[in-house]
Amino acid sequence: MKWFFGTFAVVTAILFLSFIAWIATRVMHADQANYVVGRIMIYDLYAVAVIVSYSAFVGGWHLWEKLTGRMEAERAGDEPKPGGT
């Protein structure tokens, strides 16, 4: 899970810095630079959406295992053995 938090930190940092750059280019009336920074922000928001989707999937998966009792069965060793033995 170290990779997840590292990726989330990088994406958040890029979004924060690009937001500051977007404000700076907007104030300086640098329209082309503002356009480029805006595109970077949009692509970074796509990355945020992917991270949130992954997090929701993993959270849903764990919730499903918790509700169906699979986590407790794995922990107790009550899972049926492969081949029915």
N, C-alpha and C. Protein backbone atom coordinates (compact mmCIF):
# COMPACT_ATOMS: atom_id res chain seq x y z
N MET A 1 0.81 -1.20 0.00
CA MET A 1 0.00 0.00 0.00
C MET A 1 0.85 1.26 0.00
N LYS A 2 2.15 1.09 0.16
CA LYS A 2 3.02 2.26 0.14
C LYS A 2 2.93 3.00 -1.20
N TRP A 3 2.79 2.23 -2.29
CA TRP A 3 2.69 2.84 -3.61
C TRP A 3 1.43 3.69 -3.74
N PHE A 4 0.34 3.26 -3.10
CA PHE A 4 -0.91 4.00 -3.19
C PHE A 4 -0.77 5.38 -2.54
N PHE A 5 -0.23 5.42 -1.35
CA PHE A 5 -0.09 6.70 -0.66
C PHE A 5 0.94 7.59 -1.35
N GLY A 6 1.98 7.00 -1.90
CA GLY A 6 2.95 7.78 -2.67
C GLY A 6 2.32 8.39 -3.92
N THR A 7 1.55 7.59 -4.64
CA THR A 7 0.86 8.09 -5.83
C THR A 7 -0.15 9.17 -5.47
N PHE A 8 -0.89 8.95 -4.39
CA PHE A 8 -1.87 9.94 -3.95
C PHE A 8 -1.19 11.25 -3.56
N ALA A 9 -0.04 11.17 -2.89
CA ALA A 9 0.69 12.38 -2.51
C ALA A 9 1.19 13.14 -3.73
N VAL A 10 1.70 12.42 -4.72
CA VAL A 10 2.21 13.07 -5.93
C VAL A 10 1.07 13.75 -6.70
N VAL A 11 -0.04 13.05 -6.85
CA VAL A 11 -1.18 13.61 -7.58
C VAL A 11 -1.73 14.84 -6.85
N THR A 12 -1.80 14.77 -5.54
CA THR A 12 -2.30 15.91 -4.76
C THR A 12 -1.34 17.09 -4.88
N ALA A 13 -0.04 16.83 -4.82
CA ALA A 13 0.95 17.91 -4.94
C ALA A 13 0.88 18.57 -6.32
N ILE A 14 0.75 17.75 -7.36
CA ILE A 14 0.66 18.32 -8.71
C ILE A 14 -0.60 19.17 -8.84
N LEU A 15 -1.70 18.70 -8.30
CA LEU A 15 -2.94 19.47 -8.38
C LEU A 15 -2.81 20.79 -7.64
N PHE A 16 -2.23 20.77 -6.45
CA PHE A 16 -2.05 22.00 -5.68
C PHE A 16 -1.14 22.98 -6.40
N LEU A 17 -0.01 22.51 -6.88
CA LEU A 17 0.93 23.39 -7.56
C LEU A 17 0.37 23.91 -8.89
N SER A 18 -0.35 23.08 -9.60
CA SER A 18 -0.93 23.55 -10.86
C SER A 18 -2.05 24.56 -10.61
N PHE A 19 -2.75 24.43 -9.49
CA PHE A 19 -3.76 25.42 -9.16
C PHE A 19 -3.11 26.78 -8.88
N ILE A 20 -2.00 26.77 -8.17
CA ILE A 20 -1.26 28.01 -7.92
C ILE A 20 -0.74 28.58 -9.24
N ALA A 21 -0.19 27.71 -10.10
CA ALA A 21 0.31 28.16 -11.40
C ALA A 21 -0.83 28.70 -12.26
N TRP A 22 -2.00 28.09 -12.17
CA TRP A 22 -3.15 28.56 -12.95
C TRP A 22 -3.54 29.97 -12.52
N ILE A 23 -3.56 30.20 -11.21
CA ILE A 23 -3.88 31.55 -10.70
C ILE A 23 -2.83 32.54 -11.16
N ALA A 24 -1.55 32.18 -11.06
CA ALA A 24 -0.47 33.09 -11.45
C ALA A 24 -0.55 33.43 -12.94
N THR A 25 -0.77 32.43 -13.79
CA THR A 25 -0.84 32.71 -15.22
C THR A 25 -2.10 33.49 -15.57
N ARG A 26 -3.15 33.29 -14.81
CA ARG A 26 -4.39 34.05 -15.04
C ARG A 26 -4.19 35.52 -14.70
N VAL A 27 -3.51 35.78 -13.57
CA VAL A 27 -3.26 37.17 -13.14
C VAL A 27 -2.31 37.87 -14.11
N MET A 28 -1.33 37.12 -14.64
CA MET A 28 -0.36 37.72 -15.57
C MET A 28 -0.90 37.82 -17.00
N HIS A 29 -2.10 37.36 -17.22
CA HIS A 29 -2.73 37.36 -18.54
C HIS A 29 -1.91 36.59 -19.57
N ALA A 30 -1.27 35.52 -19.12
CA ALA A 30 -0.51 34.65 -20.01
C ALA A 30 -1.46 33.54 -20.46
N ASP A 31 -2.20 33.85 -21.52
CA ASP A 31 -3.29 32.97 -21.93
C ASP A 31 -2.82 31.59 -22.38
N GLN A 32 -1.74 31.52 -23.15
CA GLN A 32 -1.27 30.20 -23.62
C GLN A 32 -0.77 29.37 -22.45
N ALA A 33 -0.02 29.97 -21.55
CA ALA A 33 0.46 29.24 -20.37
C ALA A 33 -0.71 28.82 -19.50
N ASN A 34 -1.72 29.68 -19.40
CA ASN A 34 -2.90 29.36 -18.61
C ASN A 34 -3.63 28.16 -19.21
N TYR A 35 -3.69 28.09 -20.52
CA TYR A 35 -4.32 26.96 -21.20
C TYR A 35 -3.57 25.67 -20.90
N VAL A 36 -2.23 25.71 -20.99
CA VAL A 36 -1.41 24.52 -20.74
C VAL A 36 -1.58 24.06 -19.29
N VAL A 37 -1.53 24.98 -18.35
CA VAL A 37 -1.70 24.62 -16.94
C VAL A 37 -3.10 24.06 -16.70
N GLY A 38 -4.08 24.63 -17.35
CA GLY A 38 -5.44 24.11 -17.23
C GLY A 38 -5.56 22.69 -17.73
N ARG A 39 -4.89 22.37 -18.85
CA ARG A 39 -4.91 20.99 -19.37
C ARG A 39 -4.23 20.04 -18.39
N ILE A 40 -3.11 20.49 -17.79
CA ILE A 40 -2.43 19.66 -16.79
C ILE A 40 -3.35 19.39 -15.62
N MET A 41 -4.10 20.40 -15.20
CA MET A 41 -5.03 20.23 -14.09
C MET A 41 -6.12 19.21 -14.45
N ILE A 42 -6.62 19.28 -15.66
CA ILE A 42 -7.67 18.35 -16.08
C ILE A 42 -7.14 16.92 -16.10
N TYR A 43 -5.95 16.70 -16.65
CA TYR A 43 -5.38 15.35 -16.66
C TYR A 43 -5.10 14.86 -15.25
N ASP A 44 -4.68 15.77 -14.38
CA ASP A 44 -4.44 15.39 -13.00
C ASP A 44 -5.75 15.04 -12.29
N LEU A 45 -6.81 15.73 -12.63
CA LEU A 45 -8.11 15.37 -12.06
C LEU A 45 -8.57 14.00 -12.54
N TYR A 46 -8.19 13.62 -13.77
CA TYR A 46 -8.46 12.26 -14.22
C TYR A 46 -7.72 11.25 -13.33
N ALA A 47 -6.47 11.57 -13.00
CA ALA A 47 -5.69 10.69 -12.12
C ALA A 47 -6.34 10.60 -10.73
N VAL A 48 -6.85 11.72 -10.24
CA VAL A 48 -7.56 11.70 -8.95
C VAL A 48 -8.79 10.80 -9.05
N ALA A 49 -9.50 10.87 -10.16
CA ALA A 49 -10.69 10.02 -10.34
C ALA A 49 -10.31 8.54 -10.36
N VAL A 50 -9.20 8.20 -10.97
CA VAL A 50 -8.75 6.81 -10.99
C VAL A 50 -8.40 6.35 -9.58
N ILE A 51 -7.71 7.19 -8.82
CA ILE A 51 -7.34 6.83 -7.45
C ILE A 51 -8.58 6.67 -6.57
N VAL A 52 -9.54 7.57 -6.71
CA VAL A 52 -10.78 7.48 -5.93
C VAL A 52 -11.56 6.23 -6.33
N SER A 53 -11.59 5.91 -7.62
CA SER A 53 -12.29 4.70 -8.08
C SER A 53 -11.63 3.45 -7.52
N TYR A 54 -10.31 3.41 -7.54
CA TYR A 54 -9.59 2.26 -6.97
C TYR A 54 -9.88 2.14 -5.48
N SER A 55 -9.84 3.25 -4.78
CA SER A 55 -10.10 3.23 -3.35
C SER A 55 -11.53 2.77 -3.06
N ALA A 56 -12.49 3.21 -3.84
CA ALA A 56 -13.88 2.79 -3.66
C ALA A 56 -14.03 1.30 -3.95
N PHE A 57 -13.35 0.81 -4.98
CA PHE A 57 -13.42 -0.61 -5.30
C PHE A 57 -12.85 -1.46 -4.17
N VAL A 58 -11.68 -1.10 -3.67
CA VAL A 58 -11.06 -1.86 -2.60
C VAL A 58 -11.91 -1.77 -1.33
N GLY A 59 -12.43 -0.59 -1.02
CA GLY A 59 -13.29 -0.44 0.15
C GLY A 59 -14.56 -1.26 0.03
N GLY A 60 -15.16 -1.26 -1.15
CA GLY A 60 -16.35 -2.08 -1.39
C GLY A 60 -16.05 -3.56 -1.29
N TRP A 61 -14.90 -3.96 -1.81
CA TRP A 61 -14.50 -5.36 -1.73
C TRP A 61 -14.35 -5.79 -0.27
N HIS A 62 -13.69 -4.99 0.53
CA HIS A 62 -13.51 -5.32 1.94
C HIS A 62 -14.84 -5.31 2.69
N LEU A 63 -15.69 -4.37 2.35
CA LEU A 63 -17.01 -4.33 2.99
C LEU A 63 -17.80 -5.59 2.64
N TRP A 64 -17.74 -6.01 1.38
CA TRP A 64 -18.43 -7.22 0.96
C TRP A 64 -17.90 -8.44 1.72
N GLU A 65 -16.58 -8.53 1.84
CA GLU A 65 -16.01 -9.65 2.59
C GLU A 65 -16.42 -9.61 4.06
N LYS A 66 -16.49 -8.43 4.61
CA LYS A 66 -16.90 -8.29 6.01
C LYS A 66 -18.36 -8.69 6.18
N LEU A 67 -19.23 -8.24 5.26
CA LEU A 67 -20.65 -8.55 5.38
C LEU A 67 -20.96 -10.02 5.14
N THR A 68 -20.19 -10.66 4.28
CA THR A 68 -20.44 -12.07 3.99
C THR A 68 -19.69 -13.00 4.93
N GLY A 69 -18.84 -12.47 5.79
CA GLY A 69 -18.13 -13.27 6.76
C GLY A 69 -16.88 -13.95 6.24
N ARG A 70 -16.43 -13.59 5.06
CA ARG A 70 -15.25 -14.24 4.49
C ARG A 70 -13.99 -13.88 5.25
N MET A 71 -13.89 -12.63 5.75
CA MET A 71 -12.68 -12.22 6.48
C MET A 71 -12.52 -13.04 7.76
N GLU A 72 -13.63 -13.23 8.47
CA GLU A 72 -13.56 -13.99 9.71
C GLU A 72 -13.27 -15.46 9.43
N ALA A 73 -13.83 -16.00 8.34
CA ALA A 73 -13.57 -17.40 7.98
C ALA A 73 -12.10 -17.60 7.64
N GLU A 74 -11.51 -16.67 6.92
CA GLU A 74 -10.09 -16.78 6.58
C GLU A 74 -9.23 -16.70 7.84
N ARG A 75 -9.59 -15.81 8.74
CA ARG A 75 -8.82 -15.62 9.96
C ARG A 75 -8.91 -16.86 10.86
N ALA A 76 -10.08 -17.50 10.90
CA ALA A 76 -10.28 -18.66 11.78
C ALA A 76 -9.81 -19.96 11.12
N GLY A 77 -9.55 -19.92 9.82
CA GLY A 77 -9.13 -21.14 9.13
C GLY A 77 -10.28 -22.05 8.80
N ASP A 78 -11.50 -21.51 8.71
CA ASP A 78 -12.70 -22.32 8.46
C ASP A 78 -13.01 -22.47 6.98
N GLU A 79 -12.17 -21.96 6.13
CA GLU A 79 -12.44 -22.04 4.71
C GLU A 79 -12.39 -23.49 4.24
N PRO A 80 -13.30 -23.85 3.33
CA PRO A 80 -13.23 -25.22 2.80
C PRO A 80 -11.95 -25.42 2.01
N LYS A 81 -11.37 -26.58 2.14
CA LYS A 81 -10.12 -26.90 1.44
C LYS A 81 -10.42 -27.18 -0.03
N PRO A 82 -9.50 -26.85 -0.92
CA PRO A 82 -9.70 -27.18 -2.33
C PRO A 82 -9.80 -28.69 -2.52
N GLY A 83 -10.74 -29.12 -3.32
CA GLY A 83 -10.93 -30.53 -3.57
C GLY A 83 -11.90 -31.20 -2.59
N GLY A 84 -12.40 -30.44 -1.62
CA GLY A 84 -13.40 -30.95 -0.69
C GLY A 84 -12.84 -31.83 0.40
N THR A 85 -11.54 -31.79 0.66
CA THR A 85 -10.98 -32.64 1.72
C THR A 85 -10.80 -31.89 3.00
